[in-house]
């Protein structure tokens, strides 16, 4: 019983860290984005605003998740006792899942803002129901890693499905905008790193 409680505590610690960027997005970006998109008539008109939101999130928020993916053990050790580092693999998966979920939240806001809330609601309800069933099967044998794997798979399916629906109706302009933003960002980081290395 004590071992099970410890595992739940370790998993919860990873969940808190991985969820922090998601909460930043939902508290700040999503509300502002929704107000901006609510003035628009359909999904096609949301491309520019969604592209800008995705670009900002990719630049400001996703790097936090990337750090958690790359150095999960150090992230856990920075904030929790040493014993929590044993759950570093679960934190890696949770960070990946939350990065995907952030994009799902932005796309869901776009659908909701133009009066199409049923689309993400039905899709996400179906995925969460299936996720619950998968957790019942996987967690007893795979514990925290199993729970994190199921969560990440569910987030990936949600992004693929909702992303496909969004792109089918709105087009590729949002993705082109994000790609352009990321290429400029990567170039700036590369130049800054090269300059720092030379000096």
N, C-alpha and C. Protein backbone atom coordinates (compact mmCIF):
# COMPACT_ATOMS: atom_id res chain seq x y z
N UNK A 1 0.84 -1.21 0.00
CA UNK A 1 0.00 0.00 0.00
C UNK A 1 0.87 1.26 0.00
N UNK A 2 1.92 1.26 0.84
CA UNK A 2 2.81 2.41 0.91
C UNK A 2 3.53 2.62 -0.42
N UNK A 3 3.96 1.51 -1.06
CA UNK A 3 4.62 1.59 -2.36
C UNK A 3 3.69 2.22 -3.40
N UNK A 4 2.42 1.80 -3.39
CA UNK A 4 1.45 2.35 -4.34
C UNK A 4 1.23 3.85 -4.11
N UNK A 5 1.16 4.24 -2.85
CA UNK A 5 0.99 5.66 -2.55
C UNK A 5 2.19 6.47 -3.00
N UNK A 6 3.38 5.90 -2.84
CA UNK A 6 4.60 6.59 -3.28
C UNK A 6 4.58 6.76 -4.79
N UNK A 7 4.17 5.72 -5.51
CA UNK A 7 4.11 5.80 -6.97
C UNK A 7 3.14 6.88 -7.42
N UNK A 8 2.00 6.96 -6.74
CA UNK A 8 1.01 7.99 -7.08
C UNK A 8 1.60 9.38 -6.82
N UNK A 9 2.34 9.52 -5.73
CA UNK A 9 2.98 10.80 -5.42
C UNK A 9 4.01 11.19 -6.46
N UNK A 10 4.82 10.23 -6.88
CA UNK A 10 5.83 10.50 -7.91
C UNK A 10 5.17 10.92 -9.22
N UNK A 11 4.12 10.19 -9.58
CA UNK A 11 3.41 10.50 -10.82
C UNK A 11 2.78 11.90 -10.74
N UNK A 12 2.21 12.21 -9.59
CA UNK A 12 1.58 13.52 -9.40
C UNK A 12 2.61 14.64 -9.51
N UNK A 13 3.81 14.41 -9.01
CA UNK A 13 4.86 15.42 -9.11
C UNK A 13 5.20 15.69 -10.58
N UNK A 14 5.33 14.63 -11.36
CA UNK A 14 5.59 14.79 -12.79
C UNK A 14 4.45 15.49 -13.49
N UNK A 15 3.24 15.16 -13.09
CA UNK A 15 2.05 15.76 -13.70
C UNK A 15 1.99 17.26 -13.42
N UNK A 16 2.34 17.65 -12.21
CA UNK A 16 2.34 19.07 -11.85
C UNK A 16 3.33 19.84 -12.74
N UNK A 17 4.54 19.29 -12.90
CA UNK A 17 5.54 19.97 -13.74
C UNK A 17 5.11 20.03 -15.19
N UNK A 18 4.65 18.90 -15.72
CA UNK A 18 4.27 18.85 -17.14
C UNK A 18 3.05 19.70 -17.43
N UNK A 19 2.14 19.83 -16.47
CA UNK A 19 0.91 20.61 -16.68
C UNK A 19 1.12 22.12 -16.58
N UNK A 20 2.20 22.55 -15.94
CA UNK A 20 2.40 23.99 -15.71
C UNK A 20 2.34 24.81 -17.01
N UNK A 21 3.03 24.41 -18.08
CA UNK A 21 2.92 25.19 -19.32
C UNK A 21 1.50 25.18 -19.90
N UNK A 22 0.80 24.06 -19.76
CA UNK A 22 -0.59 23.98 -20.25
C UNK A 22 -1.45 25.00 -19.52
N UNK A 23 -1.27 25.10 -18.21
CA UNK A 23 -2.06 26.07 -17.45
C UNK A 23 -1.71 27.50 -17.85
N UNK A 24 -0.43 27.76 -18.12
CA UNK A 24 -0.05 29.10 -18.59
C UNK A 24 -0.80 29.46 -19.87
N UNK A 25 -0.89 28.50 -20.78
CA UNK A 25 -1.57 28.75 -22.05
C UNK A 25 -3.06 28.96 -21.85
N UNK A 26 -3.69 28.10 -21.06
CA UNK A 26 -5.14 28.22 -20.89
C UNK A 26 -5.53 29.48 -20.13
N UNK A 27 -4.69 29.91 -19.22
CA UNK A 27 -5.00 31.11 -18.44
C UNK A 27 -4.72 32.38 -19.24
N UNK A 28 -3.66 32.36 -20.04
CA UNK A 28 -3.29 33.59 -20.75
C UNK A 28 -3.70 33.58 -22.22
N UNK A 29 -3.13 32.71 -23.02
CA UNK A 29 -3.33 32.74 -24.46
C UNK A 29 -4.76 32.41 -24.89
N UNK A 30 -5.32 31.37 -24.34
CA UNK A 30 -6.61 30.87 -24.84
C UNK A 30 -7.72 31.90 -24.66
N UNK A 31 -7.76 32.56 -23.51
CA UNK A 31 -8.83 33.54 -23.28
C UNK A 31 -8.74 34.72 -24.24
N UNK A 32 -7.52 35.21 -24.44
CA UNK A 32 -7.32 36.32 -25.36
C UNK A 32 -7.63 35.87 -26.79
N UNK A 33 -7.16 34.68 -27.15
CA UNK A 33 -7.42 34.15 -28.49
C UNK A 33 -8.91 33.99 -28.75
N UNK A 34 -9.63 33.47 -27.77
CA UNK A 34 -11.06 33.26 -27.93
C UNK A 34 -11.79 34.56 -28.23
N UNK A 35 -11.47 35.60 -27.47
CA UNK A 35 -12.11 36.91 -27.68
C UNK A 35 -11.81 37.42 -29.09
N UNK A 36 -10.59 37.25 -29.53
CA UNK A 36 -10.21 37.71 -30.87
C UNK A 36 -10.93 36.91 -31.96
N UNK A 37 -11.02 35.59 -31.77
CA UNK A 37 -11.64 34.74 -32.79
C UNK A 37 -13.16 34.84 -32.81
N UNK A 38 -13.77 35.21 -31.69
CA UNK A 38 -15.23 35.26 -31.60
C UNK A 38 -15.82 36.30 -32.55
N UNK A 39 -15.00 37.23 -33.00
CA UNK A 39 -15.48 38.27 -33.94
C UNK A 39 -15.50 37.77 -35.38
N UNK A 40 -14.91 36.61 -35.61
CA UNK A 40 -14.77 36.10 -36.97
C UNK A 40 -15.94 35.20 -37.35
N UNK A 41 -16.14 35.02 -38.66
CA UNK A 41 -17.33 34.33 -39.13
C UNK A 41 -17.17 32.82 -39.25
N UNK A 42 -15.94 32.34 -39.58
CA UNK A 42 -15.75 30.91 -39.78
C UNK A 42 -14.29 30.53 -39.53
N UNK A 43 -13.99 29.24 -39.64
CA UNK A 43 -12.64 28.76 -39.35
C UNK A 43 -11.60 29.32 -40.32
N UNK A 44 -11.96 29.51 -41.56
CA UNK A 44 -11.01 30.04 -42.53
C UNK A 44 -10.49 31.40 -42.08
N UNK A 45 -11.35 32.20 -41.50
CA UNK A 45 -10.95 33.53 -41.04
C UNK A 45 -10.06 33.49 -39.80
N UNK A 46 -9.96 32.33 -39.15
CA UNK A 46 -9.15 32.22 -37.93
C UNK A 46 -7.68 31.92 -38.19
N UNK A 47 -7.33 31.65 -39.44
CA UNK A 47 -5.97 31.18 -39.75
C UNK A 47 -4.87 32.10 -39.21
N UNK A 48 -5.01 33.39 -39.44
CA UNK A 48 -3.96 34.32 -39.01
C UNK A 48 -3.80 34.32 -37.49
N UNK A 49 -4.91 34.44 -36.77
CA UNK A 49 -4.85 34.50 -35.31
C UNK A 49 -4.36 33.18 -34.72
N UNK A 50 -4.83 32.06 -35.26
CA UNK A 50 -4.39 30.75 -34.77
C UNK A 50 -2.90 30.57 -35.05
N UNK A 51 -2.46 31.00 -36.25
CA UNK A 51 -1.04 30.92 -36.58
C UNK A 51 -0.18 31.72 -35.62
N UNK A 52 -0.63 32.94 -35.29
CA UNK A 52 0.10 33.78 -34.33
C UNK A 52 0.14 33.13 -32.95
N UNK A 53 -0.99 32.58 -32.51
CA UNK A 53 -1.04 31.94 -31.19
C UNK A 53 -0.11 30.74 -31.14
N UNK A 54 -0.14 29.92 -32.18
CA UNK A 54 0.74 28.75 -32.22
C UNK A 54 2.21 29.17 -32.24
N UNK A 55 2.51 30.25 -32.96
CA UNK A 55 3.88 30.74 -33.01
C UNK A 55 4.35 31.22 -31.64
N UNK A 56 3.51 31.98 -30.95
CA UNK A 56 3.87 32.45 -29.62
C UNK A 56 4.05 31.29 -28.64
N UNK A 57 3.15 30.34 -28.72
CA UNK A 57 3.24 29.18 -27.83
C UNK A 57 4.51 28.38 -28.13
N UNK A 58 4.81 28.19 -29.42
CA UNK A 58 6.02 27.45 -29.81
C UNK A 58 7.28 28.15 -29.33
N UNK A 59 7.24 29.47 -29.29
CA UNK A 59 8.41 30.24 -28.90
C UNK A 59 8.54 30.40 -27.39
N UNK A 60 7.44 30.65 -26.70
CA UNK A 60 7.49 30.99 -25.29
C UNK A 60 7.17 29.85 -24.33
N UNK A 61 6.27 28.96 -24.72
CA UNK A 61 5.76 27.96 -23.79
C UNK A 61 6.35 26.56 -24.04
N UNK A 62 6.36 26.13 -25.30
CA UNK A 62 6.84 24.78 -25.60
C UNK A 62 8.28 24.53 -25.19
N UNK A 63 9.17 25.54 -25.19
CA UNK A 63 10.52 25.27 -24.69
C UNK A 63 10.55 24.72 -23.25
N UNK A 64 9.58 25.11 -22.44
CA UNK A 64 9.51 24.56 -21.08
C UNK A 64 9.25 23.05 -21.15
N UNK A 65 8.30 22.65 -21.99
CA UNK A 65 8.01 21.22 -22.14
C UNK A 65 9.22 20.48 -22.73
N UNK A 66 9.93 21.13 -23.64
CA UNK A 66 11.10 20.50 -24.25
C UNK A 66 12.18 20.26 -23.20
N UNK A 67 12.37 21.20 -22.29
CA UNK A 67 13.33 21.01 -21.20
C UNK A 67 12.92 19.80 -20.36
N UNK A 68 11.63 19.69 -20.06
CA UNK A 68 11.14 18.55 -19.27
C UNK A 68 11.31 17.24 -20.02
N UNK A 69 11.22 17.28 -21.35
CA UNK A 69 11.43 16.07 -22.15
C UNK A 69 12.90 15.65 -22.15
N UNK A 70 13.79 16.64 -22.22
CA UNK A 70 15.22 16.36 -22.36
C UNK A 70 15.89 16.03 -21.02
N UNK A 71 15.55 16.79 -19.99
CA UNK A 71 16.20 16.58 -18.68
C UNK A 71 15.14 16.42 -17.58
N UNK A 72 14.31 15.39 -17.67
CA UNK A 72 13.24 15.24 -16.68
C UNK A 72 13.76 14.98 -15.26
N UNK A 73 14.83 14.22 -15.18
CA UNK A 73 15.36 13.90 -13.84
C UNK A 73 15.84 15.16 -13.13
N UNK A 74 16.57 16.00 -13.85
CA UNK A 74 17.06 17.24 -13.25
C UNK A 74 15.91 18.17 -12.86
N UNK A 75 14.87 18.19 -13.68
CA UNK A 75 13.70 19.02 -13.35
C UNK A 75 13.04 18.55 -12.07
N UNK A 76 12.90 17.24 -11.92
CA UNK A 76 12.31 16.70 -10.70
C UNK A 76 13.19 16.96 -9.49
N UNK A 77 14.51 16.77 -9.65
CA UNK A 77 15.44 16.96 -8.54
C UNK A 77 15.52 18.43 -8.11
N UNK A 78 15.25 19.34 -9.04
CA UNK A 78 15.30 20.77 -8.71
C UNK A 78 14.18 21.17 -7.76
N UNK A 79 13.06 20.44 -7.81
CA UNK A 79 11.88 20.85 -7.03
C UNK A 79 11.40 19.83 -6.00
N UNK A 80 11.86 18.58 -6.12
CA UNK A 80 11.37 17.53 -5.24
C UNK A 80 12.53 16.75 -4.65
N UNK A 81 12.27 15.97 -3.59
CA UNK A 81 13.33 15.13 -3.01
C UNK A 81 13.89 14.11 -4.03
N UNK A 82 15.07 13.60 -3.75
CA UNK A 82 15.77 12.70 -4.67
C UNK A 82 14.95 11.50 -5.10
N UNK A 83 14.11 10.98 -4.23
CA UNK A 83 13.35 9.77 -4.56
C UNK A 83 12.39 9.99 -5.74
N UNK A 84 12.02 11.23 -5.99
CA UNK A 84 11.08 11.53 -7.08
C UNK A 84 11.71 11.36 -8.47
N UNK A 85 13.04 11.35 -8.52
CA UNK A 85 13.72 11.22 -9.81
C UNK A 85 13.45 9.88 -10.47
N UNK A 86 12.98 8.91 -9.69
CA UNK A 86 12.70 7.58 -10.26
C UNK A 86 11.56 7.64 -11.28
N UNK A 87 10.79 8.71 -11.26
CA UNK A 87 9.66 8.83 -12.18
C UNK A 87 9.97 9.73 -13.38
N UNK A 88 11.26 9.88 -13.69
CA UNK A 88 11.67 10.77 -14.78
C UNK A 88 11.11 10.34 -16.13
N UNK A 89 11.03 9.04 -16.37
CA UNK A 89 10.51 8.56 -17.66
C UNK A 89 9.05 8.95 -17.86
N UNK A 90 8.28 8.88 -16.79
CA UNK A 90 6.88 9.28 -16.88
C UNK A 90 6.77 10.77 -17.17
N UNK A 91 7.64 11.58 -16.55
CA UNK A 91 7.62 13.02 -16.80
C UNK A 91 7.93 13.33 -18.26
N UNK A 92 8.85 12.60 -18.86
CA UNK A 92 9.15 12.79 -20.28
C UNK A 92 7.90 12.61 -21.13
N UNK A 93 7.18 11.52 -20.88
CA UNK A 93 5.97 11.24 -21.65
C UNK A 93 4.88 12.27 -21.37
N UNK A 94 4.75 12.67 -20.12
CA UNK A 94 3.74 13.66 -19.77
C UNK A 94 4.03 15.01 -20.44
N UNK A 95 5.31 15.36 -20.53
CA UNK A 95 5.68 16.62 -21.20
C UNK A 95 5.33 16.56 -22.68
N UNK A 96 5.58 15.43 -23.32
CA UNK A 96 5.21 15.27 -24.73
C UNK A 96 3.70 15.40 -24.89
N UNK A 97 2.95 14.68 -24.03
CA UNK A 97 1.49 14.73 -24.10
C UNK A 97 0.94 16.13 -23.87
N UNK A 98 1.51 16.85 -22.93
CA UNK A 98 1.03 18.20 -22.65
C UNK A 98 1.37 19.17 -23.78
N UNK A 99 2.52 18.98 -24.42
CA UNK A 99 2.86 19.82 -25.58
C UNK A 99 1.81 19.63 -26.68
N UNK A 100 1.41 18.39 -26.90
CA UNK A 100 0.36 18.11 -27.89
C UNK A 100 -0.97 18.70 -27.46
N UNK A 101 -1.26 18.58 -26.16
CA UNK A 101 -2.54 19.06 -25.62
C UNK A 101 -2.66 20.58 -25.72
N UNK A 102 -1.55 21.29 -25.63
CA UNK A 102 -1.57 22.75 -25.77
C UNK A 102 -2.08 23.14 -27.16
N UNK A 103 -1.60 22.43 -28.17
CA UNK A 103 -2.06 22.72 -29.54
C UNK A 103 -3.54 22.35 -29.69
N UNK A 104 -3.94 21.25 -29.06
CA UNK A 104 -5.35 20.85 -29.08
C UNK A 104 -6.21 21.95 -28.45
N UNK A 105 -5.75 22.52 -27.36
CA UNK A 105 -6.51 23.59 -26.69
C UNK A 105 -6.69 24.80 -27.60
N UNK A 106 -5.65 25.16 -28.34
CA UNK A 106 -5.74 26.30 -29.26
C UNK A 106 -6.74 26.01 -30.38
N UNK A 107 -6.65 24.82 -30.96
CA UNK A 107 -7.58 24.47 -32.04
C UNK A 107 -9.01 24.37 -31.52
N UNK A 108 -9.19 23.85 -30.31
CA UNK A 108 -10.53 23.77 -29.71
C UNK A 108 -11.11 25.16 -29.52
N UNK A 109 -10.27 26.09 -29.08
CA UNK A 109 -10.74 27.47 -28.91
C UNK A 109 -11.21 28.06 -30.23
N UNK A 110 -10.51 27.73 -31.31
CA UNK A 110 -10.91 28.24 -32.63
C UNK A 110 -12.29 27.73 -33.01
N UNK A 111 -12.52 26.43 -32.84
CA UNK A 111 -13.84 25.86 -33.14
C UNK A 111 -14.92 26.49 -32.26
N UNK A 112 -14.66 26.62 -30.97
CA UNK A 112 -15.65 27.17 -30.05
C UNK A 112 -15.98 28.62 -30.37
N UNK A 113 -14.95 29.40 -30.70
CA UNK A 113 -15.15 30.83 -30.92
C UNK A 113 -16.04 31.12 -32.13
N UNK A 114 -16.01 30.24 -33.13
CA UNK A 114 -16.84 30.48 -34.32
C UNK A 114 -18.17 29.71 -34.25
N UNK A 115 -18.53 29.26 -33.06
CA UNK A 115 -19.82 28.60 -32.88
C UNK A 115 -19.86 27.13 -33.24
N UNK A 116 -18.69 26.47 -33.24
CA UNK A 116 -18.63 25.06 -33.60
C UNK A 116 -18.12 24.23 -32.42
N UNK A 117 -18.56 24.55 -31.22
CA UNK A 117 -18.05 23.89 -30.01
C UNK A 117 -18.33 22.39 -29.98
N UNK A 118 -19.37 21.95 -30.69
CA UNK A 118 -19.70 20.52 -30.69
C UNK A 118 -18.58 19.66 -31.27
N UNK A 119 -17.85 20.21 -32.23
CA UNK A 119 -16.79 19.42 -32.89
C UNK A 119 -15.73 18.98 -31.89
N UNK A 120 -15.04 19.91 -31.20
CA UNK A 120 -14.05 19.45 -30.23
C UNK A 120 -14.68 18.73 -29.04
N UNK A 121 -15.89 19.14 -28.65
CA UNK A 121 -16.54 18.51 -27.49
C UNK A 121 -16.78 17.02 -27.74
N UNK A 122 -17.37 16.68 -28.87
CA UNK A 122 -17.65 15.28 -29.18
C UNK A 122 -16.37 14.50 -29.39
N UNK A 123 -15.44 15.08 -30.09
CA UNK A 123 -14.17 14.40 -30.36
C UNK A 123 -13.42 14.13 -29.07
N UNK A 124 -13.27 15.14 -28.24
CA UNK A 124 -12.51 14.98 -27.00
C UNK A 124 -13.23 14.08 -26.00
N UNK A 125 -14.55 14.15 -25.97
CA UNK A 125 -15.31 13.25 -25.10
C UNK A 125 -15.10 11.79 -25.49
N UNK A 126 -15.09 11.52 -26.78
CA UNK A 126 -14.85 10.16 -27.26
C UNK A 126 -13.45 9.70 -26.89
N UNK A 127 -12.47 10.55 -27.11
CA UNK A 127 -11.08 10.18 -26.83
C UNK A 127 -10.86 9.97 -25.33
N UNK A 128 -11.42 10.84 -24.50
CA UNK A 128 -11.28 10.69 -23.05
C UNK A 128 -11.95 9.41 -22.56
N UNK A 129 -13.09 9.07 -23.15
CA UNK A 129 -13.76 7.82 -22.76
C UNK A 129 -12.89 6.61 -23.09
N UNK A 130 -12.31 6.61 -24.28
CA UNK A 130 -11.42 5.52 -24.67
C UNK A 130 -10.15 5.51 -23.82
N UNK A 131 -9.66 6.70 -23.48
CA UNK A 131 -8.47 6.80 -22.63
C UNK A 131 -8.75 6.18 -21.27
N UNK A 132 -9.92 6.43 -20.72
CA UNK A 132 -10.28 5.86 -19.41
C UNK A 132 -10.27 4.34 -19.44
N UNK A 133 -10.81 3.78 -20.51
CA UNK A 133 -10.80 2.33 -20.66
C UNK A 133 -9.38 1.80 -20.78
N UNK A 134 -8.56 2.48 -21.55
CA UNK A 134 -7.17 2.05 -21.73
C UNK A 134 -6.41 2.13 -20.40
N UNK A 135 -6.66 3.17 -19.63
CA UNK A 135 -5.99 3.30 -18.32
C UNK A 135 -6.33 2.14 -17.39
N UNK A 136 -7.58 1.70 -17.43
CA UNK A 136 -7.99 0.56 -16.58
C UNK A 136 -7.22 -0.70 -16.91
N UNK A 137 -6.86 -0.84 -18.18
CA UNK A 137 -6.14 -2.03 -18.62
C UNK A 137 -4.64 -1.90 -18.38
N UNK A 138 -4.09 -0.72 -18.66
CA UNK A 138 -2.64 -0.54 -18.70
C UNK A 138 -2.04 -0.26 -17.33
N UNK A 139 -2.67 0.58 -16.53
CA UNK A 139 -2.07 1.04 -15.28
C UNK A 139 -1.76 -0.09 -14.28
N UNK A 140 -2.60 -1.09 -14.10
CA UNK A 140 -2.26 -2.13 -13.12
C UNK A 140 -0.93 -2.84 -13.40
N UNK A 141 -0.54 -2.94 -14.65
CA UNK A 141 0.71 -3.63 -14.95
C UNK A 141 1.86 -2.68 -15.24
N UNK A 142 1.58 -1.55 -15.87
CA UNK A 142 2.65 -0.62 -16.28
C UNK A 142 2.77 0.60 -15.37
N UNK A 143 1.89 0.74 -14.42
CA UNK A 143 1.91 1.81 -13.41
C UNK A 143 2.04 3.20 -14.04
N UNK A 144 2.95 4.04 -13.52
CA UNK A 144 3.05 5.44 -13.95
C UNK A 144 3.42 5.56 -15.43
N UNK A 145 4.34 4.73 -15.88
CA UNK A 145 4.75 4.77 -17.29
C UNK A 145 3.55 4.44 -18.18
N UNK A 146 2.75 3.47 -17.76
CA UNK A 146 1.56 3.12 -18.53
C UNK A 146 0.56 4.26 -18.59
N UNK A 147 0.34 4.91 -17.45
CA UNK A 147 -0.61 6.04 -17.41
C UNK A 147 -0.12 7.18 -18.30
N UNK A 148 1.17 7.49 -18.22
CA UNK A 148 1.73 8.56 -19.03
C UNK A 148 1.68 8.21 -20.52
N UNK A 149 1.92 6.95 -20.84
CA UNK A 149 1.87 6.51 -22.24
C UNK A 149 0.47 6.63 -22.81
N UNK A 150 -0.52 6.22 -22.04
CA UNK A 150 -1.91 6.31 -22.50
C UNK A 150 -2.31 7.77 -22.68
N UNK A 151 -1.93 8.62 -21.73
CA UNK A 151 -2.24 10.05 -21.84
C UNK A 151 -1.62 10.65 -23.10
N UNK A 152 -0.35 10.33 -23.35
CA UNK A 152 0.34 10.88 -24.52
C UNK A 152 -0.29 10.37 -25.81
N UNK A 153 -0.65 9.11 -25.84
CA UNK A 153 -1.31 8.55 -27.03
C UNK A 153 -2.65 9.24 -27.27
N UNK A 154 -3.41 9.46 -26.20
CA UNK A 154 -4.71 10.13 -26.33
C UNK A 154 -4.53 11.56 -26.83
N UNK A 155 -3.52 12.26 -26.31
CA UNK A 155 -3.26 13.63 -26.77
C UNK A 155 -2.86 13.65 -28.24
N UNK A 156 -2.06 12.67 -28.66
CA UNK A 156 -1.64 12.59 -30.06
C UNK A 156 -2.83 12.33 -30.97
N UNK A 157 -3.70 11.44 -30.57
CA UNK A 157 -4.90 11.14 -31.37
C UNK A 157 -5.79 12.37 -31.45
N UNK A 158 -5.95 13.07 -30.33
CA UNK A 158 -6.78 14.28 -30.32
C UNK A 158 -6.20 15.33 -31.26
N UNK A 159 -4.88 15.51 -31.23
CA UNK A 159 -4.26 16.50 -32.10
C UNK A 159 -4.40 16.11 -33.58
N UNK A 160 -4.16 14.85 -33.88
CA UNK A 160 -4.28 14.41 -35.27
C UNK A 160 -5.71 14.60 -35.79
N UNK A 161 -6.69 14.21 -34.99
CA UNK A 161 -8.08 14.30 -35.43
C UNK A 161 -8.55 15.75 -35.53
N UNK A 162 -8.32 16.52 -34.48
CA UNK A 162 -8.79 17.91 -34.49
C UNK A 162 -7.98 18.75 -35.48
N UNK A 163 -6.68 18.47 -35.57
CA UNK A 163 -5.85 19.17 -36.54
C UNK A 163 -6.29 18.91 -37.97
N UNK A 164 -6.64 17.66 -38.26
CA UNK A 164 -7.10 17.32 -39.62
C UNK A 164 -8.41 18.03 -39.93
N UNK A 165 -9.31 18.09 -38.96
CA UNK A 165 -10.59 18.78 -39.16
C UNK A 165 -10.37 20.28 -39.38
N UNK A 166 -9.47 20.85 -38.58
CA UNK A 166 -9.20 22.29 -38.72
C UNK A 166 -8.58 22.58 -40.09
N UNK A 167 -7.57 21.80 -40.46
CA UNK A 167 -6.89 22.05 -41.74
C UNK A 167 -7.81 21.83 -42.93
N UNK A 168 -8.71 20.87 -42.82
CA UNK A 168 -9.64 20.61 -43.92
C UNK A 168 -10.53 21.81 -44.18
N UNK A 169 -10.91 22.50 -43.11
CA UNK A 169 -11.82 23.64 -43.27
C UNK A 169 -11.10 24.97 -43.39
N UNK A 170 -10.00 25.13 -42.67
CA UNK A 170 -9.34 26.44 -42.62
C UNK A 170 -8.18 26.57 -43.60
N UNK A 171 -7.56 25.48 -43.98
CA UNK A 171 -6.42 25.55 -44.88
C UNK A 171 -5.10 25.54 -44.14
N UNK A 172 -4.02 25.70 -44.88
CA UNK A 172 -2.67 25.53 -44.35
C UNK A 172 -2.00 26.82 -43.91
N UNK A 173 -2.66 27.97 -44.03
CA UNK A 173 -2.00 29.24 -43.75
C UNK A 173 -1.45 29.30 -42.32
N UNK A 174 -2.18 28.76 -41.35
CA UNK A 174 -1.71 28.80 -39.96
C UNK A 174 -0.40 28.03 -39.81
N UNK A 175 -0.30 26.87 -40.47
CA UNK A 175 0.93 26.08 -40.38
C UNK A 175 2.08 26.80 -41.06
N UNK A 176 1.82 27.40 -42.21
CA UNK A 176 2.86 28.16 -42.92
C UNK A 176 3.37 29.29 -42.04
N UNK A 177 2.45 29.95 -41.37
CA UNK A 177 2.82 31.07 -40.48
C UNK A 177 3.70 30.58 -39.33
N UNK A 178 3.34 29.45 -38.72
CA UNK A 178 4.12 28.90 -37.62
C UNK A 178 5.50 28.47 -38.12
N UNK A 179 5.55 27.82 -39.27
CA UNK A 179 6.83 27.38 -39.82
C UNK A 179 7.76 28.56 -40.07
N UNK A 180 7.22 29.65 -40.62
CA UNK A 180 8.03 30.84 -40.88
C UNK A 180 8.55 31.43 -39.57
N UNK A 181 7.68 31.50 -38.58
CA UNK A 181 8.06 32.03 -37.26
C UNK A 181 9.15 31.17 -36.64
N UNK A 182 8.97 29.85 -36.67
CA UNK A 182 9.95 28.94 -36.07
C UNK A 182 11.29 28.99 -36.78
N UNK A 183 11.28 29.16 -38.10
CA UNK A 183 12.55 29.25 -38.83
C UNK A 183 13.30 30.51 -38.43
N UNK A 184 12.59 31.63 -38.26
CA UNK A 184 13.24 32.86 -37.80
C UNK A 184 13.76 32.70 -36.37
N UNK A 185 12.96 32.05 -35.53
CA UNK A 185 13.35 31.81 -34.14
C UNK A 185 14.60 30.93 -34.07
N UNK A 186 14.60 29.84 -34.86
CA UNK A 186 15.75 28.93 -34.88
C UNK A 186 16.99 29.65 -35.39
N UNK A 187 16.83 30.50 -36.40
CA UNK A 187 17.97 31.26 -36.93
C UNK A 187 18.52 32.20 -35.87
N UNK A 188 17.64 32.87 -35.14
CA UNK A 188 18.08 33.79 -34.08
C UNK A 188 18.82 33.04 -32.98
N UNK A 189 18.28 31.89 -32.58
CA UNK A 189 18.93 31.08 -31.54
C UNK A 189 20.29 30.59 -32.04
N UNK A 190 20.33 30.15 -33.30
CA UNK A 190 21.59 29.68 -33.88
C UNK A 190 22.64 30.77 -33.93
N UNK A 191 22.25 31.96 -34.38
CA UNK A 191 23.18 33.08 -34.44
C UNK A 191 23.66 33.47 -33.05
N UNK A 192 22.72 33.50 -32.10
CA UNK A 192 23.10 33.83 -30.72
C UNK A 192 24.03 32.80 -30.13
N UNK A 193 23.78 31.52 -30.39
CA UNK A 193 24.66 30.46 -29.89
C UNK A 193 26.03 30.55 -30.52
N UNK A 194 26.06 30.80 -31.85
CA UNK A 194 27.35 30.91 -32.55
C UNK A 194 28.15 32.10 -32.01
N UNK A 195 27.44 33.22 -31.80
CA UNK A 195 28.13 34.41 -31.27
C UNK A 195 28.68 34.14 -29.86
N UNK A 196 27.90 33.45 -29.05
CA UNK A 196 28.35 33.11 -27.69
C UNK A 196 29.51 32.14 -27.71
N UNK A 197 29.51 31.23 -28.67
CA UNK A 197 30.59 30.26 -28.78
C UNK A 197 31.89 30.92 -29.22
N UNK A 198 31.79 31.87 -30.16
CA UNK A 198 32.98 32.57 -30.67
C UNK A 198 33.61 33.42 -29.58
N UNK A 199 32.76 34.08 -28.79
CA UNK A 199 33.28 34.96 -27.75
C UNK A 199 33.76 34.13 -26.60
